[in-house]
């Protein structure tokens, strides 16, 4: 439990400083350091997002930055998406899921590099 808390804290801090999703660090860390299966690591990461999203929405609502209708639409559409994702994860071999996640991480890293190397626009 302490290991999971430490991983969550480190991933959250890095995500906050670098502007990346914590799951990109949390999922591999749970798999590599705690020995969770890839599916269990992804599920744990997704469950961990819920309280963070609730607190974030609450805080942003206080600043007037919350678009509740859009959030509700995304939340409603996420349910069938999650059900479909579970169905796919149950039929695809775990190694293929790992490779797909690795490809997603590489695509995200490439996008970050492209943005960092893009010339700055007028200030």
Protein backbone atom coordinates (compact mmCIF):
# COMPACT_ATOMS: atom_id res chain seq x y z
CA UNK A 1 0.00 0.00 0.00
CA UNK A 2 2.82 2.41 0.84
CA UNK A 3 4.42 1.66 -2.54
CA UNK A 4 1.20 2.48 -4.37
CA UNK A 5 0.84 5.74 -2.43
CA UNK A 6 4.45 6.69 -3.21
CA UNK A 7 3.95 5.90 -6.90
CA UNK A 8 0.74 7.93 -6.96
CA UNK A 9 2.39 10.89 -5.28
CA UNK A 10 5.41 10.81 -7.59
CA UNK A 11 3.27 10.40 -10.72
CA UNK A 12 0.92 13.18 -9.62
CA UNK A 13 3.78 15.55 -8.89
CA UNK A 14 5.48 14.81 -12.20
CA UNK A 15 2.19 15.12 -14.07
CA UNK A 16 1.50 18.48 -12.45
CA UNK A 17 4.96 19.82 -13.22
CA UNK A 18 5.16 18.48 -16.77
CA UNK A 19 1.54 18.79 -17.82
CA UNK A 20 1.15 15.13 -18.71
CA UNK A 21 -1.46 12.63 -17.63
CA UNK A 22 -0.51 10.84 -14.44
CA UNK A 23 -1.63 7.54 -15.92
CA UNK A 24 1.25 7.66 -18.36
CA UNK A 25 3.54 7.22 -15.36
CA UNK A 26 1.20 5.46 -12.94
CA UNK A 27 0.31 2.47 -15.14
CA UNK A 28 3.88 1.44 -16.02
CA UNK A 29 5.02 2.01 -12.43
CA UNK A 30 2.26 -0.19 -11.02
CA UNK A 31 3.16 -2.92 -13.50
CA UNK A 32 6.93 -2.73 -13.17
CA UNK A 33 7.36 -1.86 -9.49
CA UNK A 34 4.37 -3.54 -7.85
CA UNK A 35 3.92 -6.43 -10.28
CA UNK A 36 0.30 -5.69 -11.20
CA UNK A 37 -1.00 -7.01 -14.49
CA UNK A 38 -1.40 -4.37 -17.15
CA UNK A 39 -5.20 -4.56 -16.92
CA UNK A 40 -5.14 -4.21 -13.12
CA UNK A 41 -2.72 -1.28 -13.38
CA UNK A 42 -4.95 0.51 -15.90
CA UNK A 43 -8.06 -0.12 -13.80
CA UNK A 44 -6.32 1.18 -10.68
CA UNK A 45 -5.20 4.29 -12.54
CA UNK A 46 -8.71 4.95 -13.81
CA UNK A 47 -10.23 4.54 -10.33
CA UNK A 48 -7.61 6.92 -8.93
CA UNK A 49 -8.70 9.58 -11.41
CA UNK A 50 -12.26 9.78 -10.03
CA UNK A 51 -11.57 11.70 -6.79
CA UNK A 52 -9.07 13.97 -8.54
CA UNK A 53 -11.61 14.78 -11.26
CA UNK A 54 -14.33 15.48 -8.70
CA UNK A 55 -12.14 17.84 -6.69
CA UNK A 56 -10.85 19.50 -9.87
CA UNK A 57 -14.39 20.05 -11.18
CA UNK A 58 -15.51 21.43 -7.83
CA UNK A 59 -12.57 23.85 -7.68
CA UNK A 60 -12.94 24.99 -11.28
CA UNK A 61 -16.69 25.50 -10.79
CA UNK A 62 -15.83 28.00 -8.07
CA UNK A 63 -13.77 29.94 -10.62
CA UNK A 64 -16.54 29.77 -13.22
CA UNK A 65 -14.51 27.51 -15.51
CA UNK A 66 -16.78 24.46 -15.42
CA UNK A 67 -18.94 23.68 -18.43
CA UNK A 68 -21.32 21.27 -16.70
CA UNK A 69 -23.24 20.32 -19.84
CA UNK A 70 -20.07 19.30 -21.67
CA UNK A 71 -18.82 17.41 -18.63
CA UNK A 72 -22.11 15.58 -18.27
CA UNK A 73 -22.08 14.63 -21.95
CA UNK A 74 -18.55 13.27 -21.68
CA UNK A 75 -19.46 11.39 -18.50
CA UNK A 76 -22.53 9.81 -20.06
CA UNK A 77 -20.62 8.81 -23.20
CA UNK A 78 -17.75 7.43 -21.11
CA UNK A 79 -19.98 4.65 -19.74
CA UNK A 80 -20.48 2.80 -23.04
CA UNK A 81 -16.86 3.59 -23.91
CA UNK A 82 -15.70 1.93 -20.70
CA UNK A 83 -17.94 -1.09 -21.28
CA UNK A 84 -16.57 -1.41 -24.82
CA UNK A 85 -13.01 -1.03 -23.57
CA UNK A 86 -13.49 -3.81 -21.03
CA UNK A 87 -14.97 -6.06 -23.71
CA UNK A 88 -11.96 -5.42 -25.95
CA UNK A 89 -9.48 -5.87 -23.09
CA UNK A 90 -11.05 -9.24 -22.28
CA UNK A 91 -10.43 -10.62 -25.78
CA UNK A 92 -7.09 -9.00 -26.68
CA UNK A 93 -3.98 -10.68 -25.24
CA UNK A 94 -2.32 -8.71 -22.45
CA UNK A 95 0.93 -8.37 -24.41
CA UNK A 96 -0.99 -6.63 -27.21
CA UNK A 97 -2.54 -4.25 -24.68
CA UNK A 98 0.92 -3.46 -23.34
CA UNK A 99 2.22 -2.75 -26.84
CA UNK A 100 -0.79 -0.56 -27.60
CA UNK A 101 -0.23 1.41 -24.40
CA UNK A 102 3.46 1.77 -25.26
CA UNK A 103 2.51 3.08 -28.72
CA UNK A 104 0.15 5.60 -27.10
CA UNK A 105 2.94 6.78 -24.80
CA UNK A 106 5.34 7.15 -27.72
CA UNK A 107 2.76 9.15 -29.69
CA UNK A 108 2.20 11.43 -26.68
CA UNK A 109 5.96 11.88 -26.26
CA UNK A 110 6.36 12.72 -29.94
CA UNK A 111 3.61 15.33 -29.66
CA UNK A 112 5.32 16.90 -26.63
CA UNK A 113 8.62 17.06 -28.53
CA UNK A 114 6.94 18.62 -31.59
CA UNK A 115 5.31 21.26 -29.42
CA UNK A 116 8.57 22.01 -27.62
CA UNK A 117 10.45 22.44 -30.90
CA UNK A 118 7.77 24.56 -32.56
CA UNK A 119 8.84 28.17 -33.01
CA UNK A 120 7.20 30.49 -30.53
CA UNK A 121 4.46 32.67 -31.94
CA UNK A 122 4.10 36.39 -31.32
CA UNK A 123 3.75 37.16 -27.63
